[in-house]
Amino acid sequence: MHHHGRSLRLFTGDAALVESLSLDPATAPVPARMRAMIDFAIALTKSPSDRSGERVEQLRAAGLDDRAILDVTQVVAYFNFVNRMAEGLGVELEADAAR
């Protein structure tokens, strides 16, 4: 999903960070709070029911309250849903959107 990278570069102004996130989000140099959210997103995507309570506690330990945990979970779940729908239907991005 390269088209998200452009938006993230514009939002952060940090091309090196965006490149690092695109290469390997699990090792990208980010603050602890963001690291917890990224790790949660990866885990929720790859193994949604595995140790979910423990993962929520890790988010709390990183400073997220219940509302923030709900927000992160909903965003990750939504993008997983949309990506699976697009991939399942064979949807391809238009050339302009992929840049």
PDB file of N, CA and C in Angstrom:
ATOM      1  N   MET A   1       0.832  -1.193   0.000  1.00  0.00           N
ATOM      2  CA  MET A   1       0.000   0.000   0.000  1.00  0.00           C
ATOM      3  C   MET A   1       0.875   1.255   0.000  1.00  0.00           C
ATOM      4  N   HIS A   2       1.573   1.453  -1.093  1.00  0.00           N
ATOM      5  CA  HIS A   2       2.514   2.562  -1.204  1.00  0.00           C
ATOM      6  C   HIS A   2       1.829   3.922  -1.200  1.00  0.00           C
ATOM      7  N   HIS A   3       0.560   3.972  -1.571  1.00  0.00           N
ATOM      8  CA  HIS A   3      -0.095   5.275  -1.652  1.00  0.00           C
ATOM      9  C   HIS A   3      -0.269   5.914  -0.280  1.00  0.00           C
ATOM     10  N   HIS A   4      -0.200   5.135   0.807  1.00  0.00           N
ATOM     11  CA  HIS A   4      -0.282   5.720   2.145  1.00  0.00           C
ATOM     12  C   HIS A   4       1.027   6.415   2.517  1.00  0.00           C
ATOM     13  N   GLY A   5       2.130   5.965   1.939  1.00  0.00           N
ATOM     14  CA  GLY A   5       3.430   6.542   2.252  1.00  0.00           C
ATOM     15  C   GLY A   5       3.518   8.014   1.916  1.00  0.00           C
ATOM     16  N   ARG A   6       2.957   8.398   0.800  1.00  0.00           N
ATOM     17  CA  ARG A   6       2.992   9.813   0.397  1.00  0.00           C
ATOM     18  C   ARG A   6       2.287  10.680   1.430  1.00  0.00           C
ATOM     19  N   SER A   7       1.122  10.243   1.864  1.00  0.00           N
ATOM     20  CA  SER A   7       0.378  11.006   2.872  1.00  0.00           C
ATOM     21  C   SER A   7       1.151  11.079   4.182  1.00  0.00           C
ATOM     22  N   LEU A   8       1.758   9.975   4.576  1.00  0.00           N
ATOM     23  CA  LEU A   8       2.520   9.962   5.825  1.00  0.00           C
ATOM     24  C   LEU A   8       3.751  10.859   5.725  1.00  0.00           C
ATOM     25  N   ARG A   9       4.407  10.874   4.569  1.00  0.00           N
ATOM     26  CA  ARG A   9       5.547  11.782   4.379  1.00  0.00           C
ATOM     27  C   ARG A   9       5.105  13.233   4.504  1.00  0.00           C
ATOM     28  N   LEU A  10       3.974  13.570   3.912  1.00  0.00           N
ATOM     29  CA  LEU A  10       3.462  14.939   4.007  1.00  0.00           C
ATOM     30  C   LEU A  10       3.084  15.283   5.446  1.00  0.00           C
ATOM     31  N   PHE A  11       2.489  14.329   6.149  1.00  0.00           N
ATOM     32  CA  PHE A  11       2.038  14.559   7.525  1.00  0.00           C
ATOM     33  C   PHE A  11       3.219  14.712   8.477  1.00  0.00           C
ATOM     34  N   THR A  12       4.219  13.839   8.354  1.00  0.00           N
ATOM     35  CA  THR A  12       5.340  13.854   9.297  1.00  0.00           C
ATOM     36  C   THR A  12       6.492  14.736   8.854  1.00  0.00           C
ATOM     37  N   GLY A  13       6.647  14.924   7.538  1.00  0.00           N
ATOM     38  CA  GLY A  13       7.804  15.645   7.037  1.00  0.00           C
ATOM     39  C   GLY A  13       9.099  14.866   7.220  1.00  0.00           C
ATOM     40  N   ASP A  14       8.988  13.571   7.469  1.00  0.00           N
ATOM     41  CA  ASP A  14      10.157  12.740   7.768  1.00  0.00           C
ATOM     42  C   ASP A  14      10.221  11.556   6.808  1.00  0.00           C
ATOM     43  N   ALA A  15      10.862  11.773   5.671  1.00  0.00           N
ATOM     44  CA  ALA A  15      10.939  10.728   4.646  1.00  0.00           C
ATOM     45  C   ALA A  15      11.700   9.502   5.142  1.00  0.00           C
ATOM     46  N   ALA A  16      12.732   9.711   5.973  1.00  0.00           N
ATOM     47  CA  ALA A  16      13.513   8.576   6.488  1.00  0.00           C
ATOM     48  C   ALA A  16      12.661   7.693   7.392  1.00  0.00           C
ATOM     49  N   LEU A  17      11.839   8.302   8.220  1.00  0.00           N
ATOM     50  CA  LEU A  17      10.950   7.530   9.093  1.00  0.00           C
ATOM     51  C   LEU A  17       9.958   6.727   8.267  1.00  0.00           C
ATOM     52  N   VAL A  18       9.370   7.357   7.274  1.00  0.00           N
ATOM     53  CA  VAL A  18       8.387   6.674   6.428  1.00  0.00           C
ATOM     54  C   VAL A  18       9.043   5.514   5.690  1.00  0.00           C
ATOM     55  N   GLU A  19      10.253   5.724   5.198  1.00  0.00           N
ATOM     56  CA  GLU A  19      10.984   4.643   4.527  1.00  0.00           C
ATOM     57  C   GLU A  19      11.240   3.491   5.492  1.00  0.00           C
ATOM     58  N   SER A  20      11.658   3.822   6.700  1.00  0.00           N
ATOM     59  CA  SER A  20      11.918   2.800   7.712  1.00  0.00           C
ATOM     60  C   SER A  20      10.647   2.027   8.051  1.00  0.00           C
ATOM     61  N   LEU A  21       9.538   2.728   8.184  1.00  0.00           N
ATOM     62  CA  LEU A  21       8.255   2.071   8.464  1.00  0.00           C
ATOM     63  C   LEU A  21       7.829   1.173   7.315  1.00  0.00           C
ATOM     64  N   SER A  22       8.090   1.607   6.089  1.00  0.00           N
ATOM     65  CA  SER A  22       7.671   0.799   4.943  1.00  0.00           C
ATOM     66  C   SER A  22       8.540  -0.449   4.787  1.00  0.00           C
ATOM     67  N   LEU A  23       9.802  -0.360   5.170  1.00  0.00           N
ATOM     68  CA  LEU A  23      10.699  -1.510   5.057  1.00  0.00           C
ATOM     69  C   LEU A  23      10.427  -2.548   6.141  1.00  0.00           C
ATOM     70  N   ASP A  24      10.282  -2.084   7.386  1.00  0.00           N
ATOM     71  CA  ASP A  24      10.022  -3.003   8.493  1.00  0.00           C
ATOM     72  C   ASP A  24       9.432  -2.237   9.672  1.00  0.00           C
ATOM     73  N   PRO A  25       8.103  -2.167   9.752  1.00  0.00           N
ATOM     74  CA  PRO A  25       7.480  -1.408  10.835  1.00  0.00           C
ATOM     75  C   PRO A  25       7.851  -1.928  12.225  1.00  0.00           C
ATOM     76  N   ALA A  26       8.208  -3.198  12.330  1.00  0.00           N
ATOM     77  CA  ALA A  26       8.544  -3.781  13.633  1.00  0.00           C
ATOM     78  C   ALA A  26       9.860  -3.255  14.192  1.00  0.00           C
ATOM     79  N   THR A  27      10.715  -2.699  13.337  1.00  0.00           N
ATOM     80  CA  THR A  27      12.006  -2.201  13.818  1.00  0.00           C
ATOM     81  C   THR A  27      12.208  -0.707  13.556  1.00  0.00           C
ATOM     82  N   ALA A  28      11.213  -0.037  13.031  1.00  0.00           N
ATOM     83  CA  ALA A  28      11.337   1.400  12.751  1.00  0.00           C
ATOM     84  C   ALA A  28      11.580   2.169  14.055  1.00  0.00           C
ATOM     85  N   PRO A  29      12.445   3.189  14.011  1.00  0.00           N
ATOM     86  CA  PRO A  29      12.755   3.969  15.214  1.00  0.00           C
ATOM     87  C   PRO A  29      11.635   4.965  15.539  1.00  0.00           C
ATOM     88  N   VAL A  30      10.760   4.579  16.434  1.00  0.00           N
ATOM     89  CA  VAL A  30       9.619   5.414  16.811  1.00  0.00           C
ATOM     90  C   VAL A  30       9.546   5.504  18.335  1.00  0.00           C
ATOM     91  N   PRO A  31       8.855   6.519  18.862  1.00  0.00           N
ATOM     92  CA  PRO A  31       8.675   6.621  20.311  1.00  0.00           C
ATOM     93  C   PRO A  31       7.940   5.401  20.878  1.00  0.00           C
ATOM     94  N   ALA A  32       8.111   5.165  22.175  1.00  0.00           N
ATOM     95  CA  ALA A  32       7.559   3.974  22.835  1.00  0.00           C
ATOM     96  C   ALA A  32       6.047   3.842  22.646  1.00  0.00           C
ATOM     97  N   ARG A  33       5.333   4.941  22.739  1.00  0.00           N
ATOM     98  CA  ARG A  33       3.869   4.881  22.586  1.00  0.00           C
ATOM     99  C   ARG A  33       3.489   4.404  21.179  1.00  0.00           C
ATOM    100  N   MET A  34       4.163   4.962  20.170  1.00  0.00           N
ATOM    101  CA  MET A  34       3.888   4.543  18.801  1.00  0.00           C
ATOM    102  C   MET A  34       4.333   3.101  18.581  1.00  0.00           C
ATOM    103  N   ARG A  35       5.460   2.714  19.195  1.00  0.00           N
ATOM    104  CA  ARG A  35       5.940   1.332  19.077  1.00  0.00           C
ATOM    105  C   ARG A  35       4.870   0.365  19.581  1.00  0.00           C
ATOM    106  N   ALA A  36       4.251   0.695  20.714  1.00  0.00           N
ATOM    107  CA  ALA A  36       3.203  -0.173  21.266  1.00  0.00           C
ATOM    108  C   ALA A  36       2.029  -0.286  20.298  1.00  0.00           C
ATOM    109  N   MET A  37       1.650   0.826  19.670  1.00  0.00           N
ATOM    110  CA  MET A  37       0.534   0.792  18.723  1.00  0.00           C
ATOM    111  C   MET A  37       0.893   0.001  17.465  1.00  0.00           C
ATOM    112  N   ILE A  38       2.113   0.169  16.972  1.00  0.00           N
ATOM    113  CA  ILE A  38       2.546  -0.581  15.788  1.00  0.00           C
ATOM    114  C   ILE A  38       2.594  -2.071  16.092  1.00  0.00           C
ATOM    115  N   ASP A  39       3.173  -2.426  17.234  1.00  0.00           N
ATOM    116  CA  ASP A  39       3.245  -3.839  17.610  1.00  0.00           C
ATOM    117  C   ASP A  39       1.847  -4.433  17.752  1.00  0.00           C
ATOM    118  N   PHE A  40       0.926  -3.661  18.325  1.00  0.00           N
ATOM    119  CA  PHE A  40      -0.459  -4.103  18.468  1.00  0.00           C
ATOM    120  C   PHE A  40      -1.086  -4.317  17.092  1.00  0.00           C
ATOM    121  N   ALA A  41      -0.867  -3.369  16.187  1.00  0.00           N
ATOM    122  CA  ALA A  41      -1.441  -3.472  14.838  1.00  0.00           C
ATOM    123  C   ALA A  41      -0.911  -4.701  14.105  1.00  0.00           C
ATOM    124  N   ILE A  42       0.373  -4.950  14.221  1.00  0.00           N
ATOM    125  CA  ILE A  42       0.960  -6.128  13.576  1.00  0.00           C
ATOM    126  C   ILE A  42       0.360  -7.401  14.157  1.00  0.00           C
ATOM    127  N   ALA A  43       0.293  -7.467  15.480  1.00  0.00           N
ATOM    128  CA  ALA A  43      -0.240  -8.666  16.134  1.00  0.00           C
ATOM    129  C   ALA A  43      -1.715  -8.871  15.809  1.00  0.00           C
ATOM    130  N   LEU A  44      -2.495  -7.794  15.835  1.00  0.00           N
ATOM    131  CA  LEU A  44      -3.925  -7.911  15.540  1.00  0.00           C
ATOM    132  C   LEU A  44      -4.142  -8.358  14.097  1.00  0.00           C
ATOM    133  N   THR A  45      -3.279  -7.925  13.212  1.00  0.00           N
ATOM    134  CA  THR A  45      -3.376  -8.301  11.806  1.00  0.00           C
ATOM    135  C   THR A  45      -2.992  -9.765  11.587  1.00  0.00           C
ATOM    136  N   LYS A  46      -1.906 -10.181  12.200  1.00  0.00           N
ATOM    137  CA  LYS A  46      -1.381 -11.527  11.947  1.00  0.00           C
ATOM    138  C   LYS A  46      -2.047 -12.619  12.776  1.00  0.00           C
ATOM    139  N   SER A  47      -2.411 -12.309  14.020  1.00  0.00           N
ATOM    140  CA  SER A  47      -3.014 -13.330  14.892  1.00  0.00           C
ATOM    141  C   SER A  47      -4.002 -12.662  15.847  1.00  0.00           C
ATOM    142  N   PRO A  48      -5.192 -12.339  15.354  1.00  0.00           N
ATOM    143  CA  PRO A  48      -6.144 -11.514  16.097  1.00  0.00           C
ATOM    144  C   PRO A  48      -6.559 -12.038  17.474  1.00  0.00           C
ATOM    145  N   SER A  49      -6.621 -13.331  17.674  1.00  0.00           N
ATOM    146  CA  SER A  49      -7.106 -13.822  18.967  1.00  0.00           C
ATOM    147  C   SER A  49      -5.983 -14.254  19.904  1.00  0.00           C
ATOM    148  N   ASP A  50      -4.762 -14.190  19.460  1.00  0.00           N
ATOM    149  CA  ASP A  50      -3.633 -14.649  20.258  1.00  0.00           C
ATOM    150  C   ASP A  50      -3.217 -13.594  21.276  1.00  0.00           C
ATOM    151  N   ARG A  51      -3.358 -13.883  22.536  1.00  0.00           N
ATOM    152  CA  ARG A  51      -2.924 -13.023  23.645  1.00  0.00           C
ATOM    153  C   ARG A  51      -3.514 -11.615  23.584  1.00  0.00           C
ATOM    154  N   SER A  52      -4.764 -11.481  23.195  1.00  0.00           N
ATOM    155  CA  SER A  52      -5.359 -10.151  23.023  1.00  0.00           C
ATOM    156  C   SER A  52      -5.393  -9.353  24.322  1.00  0.00           C
ATOM    157  N   GLY A  53      -5.712  -9.991  25.432  1.00  0.00           N
ATOM    158  CA  GLY A  53      -5.737  -9.275  26.710  1.00  0.00           C
ATOM    159  C   GLY A  53      -4.375  -8.737  27.093  1.00  0.00           C
ATOM    160  N   GLU A  54      -3.363  -9.527  26.856  1.00  0.00           N
ATOM    161  CA  GLU A  54      -1.990  -9.111  27.136  1.00  0.00           C
ATOM    162  C   GLU A  54      -1.605  -7.920  26.261  1.00  0.00           C
ATOM    163  N   ARG A  55      -2.019  -7.945  25.014  1.00  0.00           N
ATOM    164  CA  ARG A  55      -1.709  -6.835  24.104  1.00  0.00           C
ATOM    165  C   ARG A  55      -2.385  -5.542  24.547  1.00  0.00           C
ATOM    166  N   VAL A  56      -3.608  -5.651  25.031  1.00  0.00           N
ATOM    167  CA  VAL A  56      -4.317  -4.460  25.522  1.00  0.00           C
ATOM    168  C   VAL A  56      -3.576  -3.885  26.729  1.00  0.00           C
ATOM    169  N   GLU A  57      -3.101  -4.745  27.603  1.00  0.00           N
ATOM    170  CA  GLU A  57      -2.349  -4.276  28.769  1.00  0.00           C
ATOM    171  C   GLU A  57      -1.048  -3.590  28.352  1.00  0.00           C
ATOM    172  N   GLN A  58      -0.427  -4.060  27.283  1.00  0.00           N
ATOM    173  CA  GLN A  58       0.783  -3.409  26.781  1.00  0.00           C
ATOM    174  C   GLN A  58       0.472  -2.000  26.276  1.00  0.00           C
ATOM    175  N   LEU A  59      -0.692  -1.829  25.668  1.00  0.00           N
ATOM    176  CA  LEU A  59      -1.103  -0.489  25.234  1.00  0.00           C
ATOM    177  C   LEU A  59      -1.339   0.409  26.442  1.00  0.00           C
ATOM    178  N   ARG A  60      -1.986  -0.124  27.464  1.00  0.00           N
ATOM    179  CA  ARG A  60      -2.207   0.664  28.686  1.00  0.00           C
ATOM    180  C   ARG A  60      -0.872   1.076  29.304  1.00  0.00           C
ATOM    181  N   ALA A  61       0.064   0.136  29.346  1.00  0.00           N
ATOM    182  CA  ALA A  61       1.382   0.428  29.918  1.00  0.00           C
ATOM    183  C   ALA A  61       2.109   1.515  29.128  1.00  0.00           C
ATOM    184  N   ALA A  62       1.785   1.641  27.849  1.00  0.00           N
ATOM    185  CA  ALA A  62       2.393   2.678  27.006  1.00  0.00           C
ATOM    186  C   ALA A  62       1.674   4.017  27.134  1.00  0.00           C
ATOM    187  N   GLY A  63       0.618   4.053  27.951  1.00  0.00           N
ATOM    188  CA  GLY A  63      -0.068   5.315  28.210  1.00  0.00           C
ATOM    189  C   GLY A  63      -1.380   5.517  27.490  1.00  0.00           C
ATOM    190  N   LEU A  64      -1.877   4.509  26.801  1.00  0.00           N
ATOM    191  CA  LEU A  64      -3.156   4.650  26.104  1.00  0.00           C
ATOM    192  C   LEU A  64      -4.299   4.363  27.072  1.00  0.00           C
ATOM    193  N   ASP A  65      -5.328   5.197  27.019  1.00  0.00           N
ATOM    194  CA  ASP A  65      -6.518   4.934  27.824  1.00  0.00           C
ATOM    195  C   ASP A  65      -7.490   4.075  27.016  1.00  0.00           C
ATOM    196  N   ASP A  66      -8.616   3.734  27.634  1.00  0.00           N
ATOM    197  CA  ASP A  66      -9.563   2.843  26.964  1.00  0.00           C
ATOM    198  C   ASP A  66     -10.042   3.398  25.628  1.00  0.00           C
ATOM    199  N   ARG A  67     -10.273   4.696  25.554  1.00  0.00           N
ATOM    200  CA  ARG A  67     -10.739   5.308  24.306  1.00  0.00           C
ATOM    201  C   ARG A  67      -9.687   5.183  23.206  1.00  0.00           C
ATOM    202  N   ALA A  68      -8.437   5.454  23.557  1.00  0.00           N
ATOM    203  CA  ALA A  68      -7.357   5.351  22.573  1.00  0.00           C
ATOM    204  C   ALA A  68      -7.169   3.905  22.117  1.00  0.00           C
ATOM    205  N   ILE A  69      -7.310   2.962  23.047  1.00  0.00           N
ATOM    206  CA  ILE A  69      -7.193   1.543  22.693  1.00  0.00           C
ATOM    207  C   ILE A  69      -8.313   1.150  21.739  1.00  0.00           C
ATOM    208  N   LEU A  70      -9.517   1.622  22.017  1.00  0.00           N
ATOM    209  CA  LEU A  70     -10.642   1.355  21.118  1.00  0.00           C
ATOM    210  C   LEU A  70     -10.377   1.967  19.743  1.00  0.00           C
ATOM    211  N   ASP A  71      -9.896   3.199  19.715  1.00  0.00           N
ATOM    212  CA  ASP A  71      -9.608   3.865  18.441  1.00  0.00           C
ATOM    213  C   ASP A  71      -8.570   3.091  17.628  1.00  0.00           C
ATOM    214  N   VAL A  72      -7.475   2.702  18.265  1.00  0.00           N
ATOM    215  CA  VAL A  72      -6.427   1.954  17.562  1.00  0.00           C
ATOM    216  C   VAL A  72      -6.992   0.644  17.025  1.00  0.00           C
ATOM    217  N   THR A  73      -7.745  -0.054  17.860  1.00  0.00           N
ATOM    218  CA  THR A  73      -8.313  -1.342  17.451  1.00  0.00           C
ATOM    219  C   THR A  73      -9.257  -1.171  16.269  1.00  0.00           C
ATOM    220  N   GLN A  74     -10.095  -0.149  16.310  1.00  0.00           N
ATOM    221  CA  GLN A  74     -11.041   0.069  15.217  1.00  0.00           C
ATOM    222  C   GLN A  74     -10.329   0.444  13.918  1.00  0.00           C
ATOM    223  N   VAL A  75      -9.319   1.279  13.991  1.00  0.00           N
ATOM    224  CA  VAL A  75      -8.589   1.675  12.782  1.00  0.00           C
ATOM    225  C   VAL A  75      -7.878   0.470  12.173  1.00  0.00           C
ATOM    226  N   VAL A  76      -7.193  -0.306  13.005  1.00  0.00           N
ATOM    227  CA  VAL A  76      -6.487  -1.491  12.501  1.00  0.00           C
ATOM    228  C   VAL A  76      -7.477  -2.479  11.898  1.00  0.00           C
ATOM    229  N   ALA A  77      -8.567  -2.742  12.608  1.00  0.00           N
ATOM    230  CA  ALA A  77      -9.567  -3.696  12.113  1.00  0.00           C
ATOM    231  C   ALA A  77     -10.189  -3.212  10.806  1.00  0.00           C
ATOM    232  N   TYR A  78     -10.470  -1.920  10.712  1.00  0.00           N
ATOM    233  CA  TYR A  78     -11.067  -1.377   9.495  1.00  0.00           C
ATOM    234  C   TYR A  78     -10.126  -1.541   8.300  1.00  0.00           C
ATOM    235  N   PHE A  79      -8.855  -1.173   8.486  1.00  0.00           N
ATOM    236  CA  PHE A  79      -7.913  -1.303   7.375  1.00  0.00           C
ATOM    237  C   PHE A  79      -7.697  -2.760   6.993  1.00  0.00           C
ATOM    238  N   ASN A  80      -7.680  -3.648   7.979  1.00  0.00           N
ATOM    239  CA  ASN A  80      -7.585  -5.076   7.655  1.00  0.00           C
ATOM    240  C   ASN A  80      -8.789  -5.517   6.833  1.00  0.00           C
ATOM    241  N   PHE A  81      -9.965  -5.068   7.215  1.00  0.00           N
ATOM    242  CA  PHE A  81     -11.193  -5.411   6.491  1.00  0.00           C
ATOM    243  C   PHE A  81     -11.129  -4.903   5.049  1.00  0.00           C
ATOM    244  N   VAL A  82     -10.817  -3.635   4.889  1.00  0.00           N
ATOM    245  CA  VAL A  82     -10.788  -3.033   3.555  1.00  0.00           C
ATOM    246  C   VAL A  82      -9.718  -3.691   2.681  1.00  0.00           C
ATOM    247  N   ASN A  83      -8.540  -3.911   3.247  1.00  0.00           N
ATOM    248  CA  ASN A  83      -7.475  -4.545   2.464  1.00  0.00           C
ATOM    249  C   ASN A  83      -7.849  -5.960   2.053  1.00  0.00           C
ATOM    250  N   ARG A  84      -8.474  -6.708   2.935  1.00  0.00           N
ATOM    251  CA  ARG A  84      -8.878  -8.071   2.587  1.00  0.00           C
ATOM    252  C   ARG A  84      -9.980  -8.069   1.527  1.00  0.00           C
ATOM    253  N   MET A  85     -10.887  -7.125   1.610  1.00  0.00           N
ATOM    254  CA  MET A  85     -11.926  -7.014   0.580  1.00  0.00           C
ATOM    255  C   MET A  85     -11.285  -6.714  -0.775  1.00  0.00           C
ATOM    256  N   ALA A  86     -10.397  -5.734  -0.801  1.00  0.00           N
ATOM    257  CA  ALA A  86      -9.751  -5.349  -2.059  1.00  0.00           C
ATOM    258  C   ALA A  86      -8.923  -6.501  -2.621  1.00  0.00           C
ATOM    259  N   GLU A  87      -8.153  -7.149  -1.773  1.00  0.00           N
ATOM    260  CA  GLU A  87      -7.330  -8.263  -2.247  1.00  0.00           C
ATOM    261  C   GLU A  87      -8.192  -9.444  -2.670  1.00  0.00           C
ATOM    262  N   GLY A  88      -9.246  -9.718  -1.911  1.00  0.00           N
ATOM    263  CA  GLY A  88     -10.131 -10.830  -2.237  1.00  0.00           C
ATOM    264  C   GLY A  88     -10.860 -10.642  -3.553  1.00  0.00           C
ATOM    265  N   LEU A  89     -11.126  -9.390  -3.890  1.00  0.00           N
ATOM    266  CA  LEU A  89     -11.824  -9.085  -5.139  1.00  0.00           C
ATOM    267  C   LEU A  89     -10.863  -8.791  -6.287  1.00  0.00           C
ATOM    268  N   GLY A  90      -9.577  -8.787  -5.992  1.00  0.00           N
ATOM    269  CA  GLY A  90      -8.592  -8.515  -7.036  1.00  0.00           C
ATOM    270  C   GLY A  90      -8.542  -7.063  -7.454  1.00  0.00           C
ATOM    271  N   VAL A  91      -8.933  -6.161  -6.568  1.00  0.00           N
ATOM    272  CA  VAL A  91      -8.926  -4.735  -6.885  1.00  0.00           C
ATOM    273  C   VAL A  91      -7.484  -4.260  -7.026  1.00  0.00           C
ATOM    274  N   GLU A  92      -7.230  -3.505  -8.083  1.00  0.00           N
ATOM    275  CA  GLU A  92      -5.915  -2.916  -8.289  1.00  0.00           C
ATOM    276  C   GLU A  92      -6.055  -1.406  -8.285  1.00  0.00           C
ATOM    277  N   LEU A  93      -5.060  -0.735  -7.707  1.00  0.00           N
ATOM    278  CA  LEU A  93      -5.082   0.719  -7.659  1.00  0.00           C
ATOM    279  C   LEU A  93      -4.836   1.295  -9.039  1.00  0.00           C
ATOM    280  N   GLU A  94      -5.445   2.444  -9.269  1.00  0.00           N
ATOM    281  CA  GLU A  94      -5.139   3.171 -10.494  1.00  0.00           C
ATOM    282  C   GLU A  94      -3.693   3.637 -10.408  1.00  0.00           C
ATOM    283  N   ALA A  95      -3.043   3.822 -11.518  1.00  0.00           N
ATOM    284  CA  ALA A  95      -1.629   4.200 -11.547  1.00  0.00           C
ATOM    285  C   ALA A  95      -1.359   5.459 -10.728  1.00  0.00           C
ATOM    286  N   ASP A  96      -2.207   6.475 -10.829  1.00  0.00           N
ATOM    287  CA  ASP A  96      -1.998   7.720 -10.095  1.00  0.00           C
ATOM    288  C   ASP A  96      -2.120   7.517  -8.593  1.00  0.00           C
ATOM    289  N   ALA A  97      -3.023   6.663  -8.152  1.00  0.00           N
ATOM    290  CA  ALA A  97      -3.229   6.440  -6.722  1.00  0.00           C
ATOM    291  C   ALA A  97      -2.083   5.664  -6.103  1.00  0.00           C
ATOM    292  N   ALA A  98      -1.366   4.905  -6.880  1.00  0.00           N
ATOM    293  CA  ALA A  98      -0.286   4.078  -6.346  1.00  0.00           C
ATOM    294  C   ALA A  98       0.993   4.867  -6.091  1.00  0.00           C
ATOM    295  N   ARG A  99       1.077   6.084  -6.561  1.00  0.00           N
ATOM    296  CA  ARG A  99       2.297   6.888  -6.376  1.00  0.00           C
ATOM    297  C   ARG A  99       2.313   7.588  -5.062  1.00  0.00           C
TER     298      ARG A  99
END
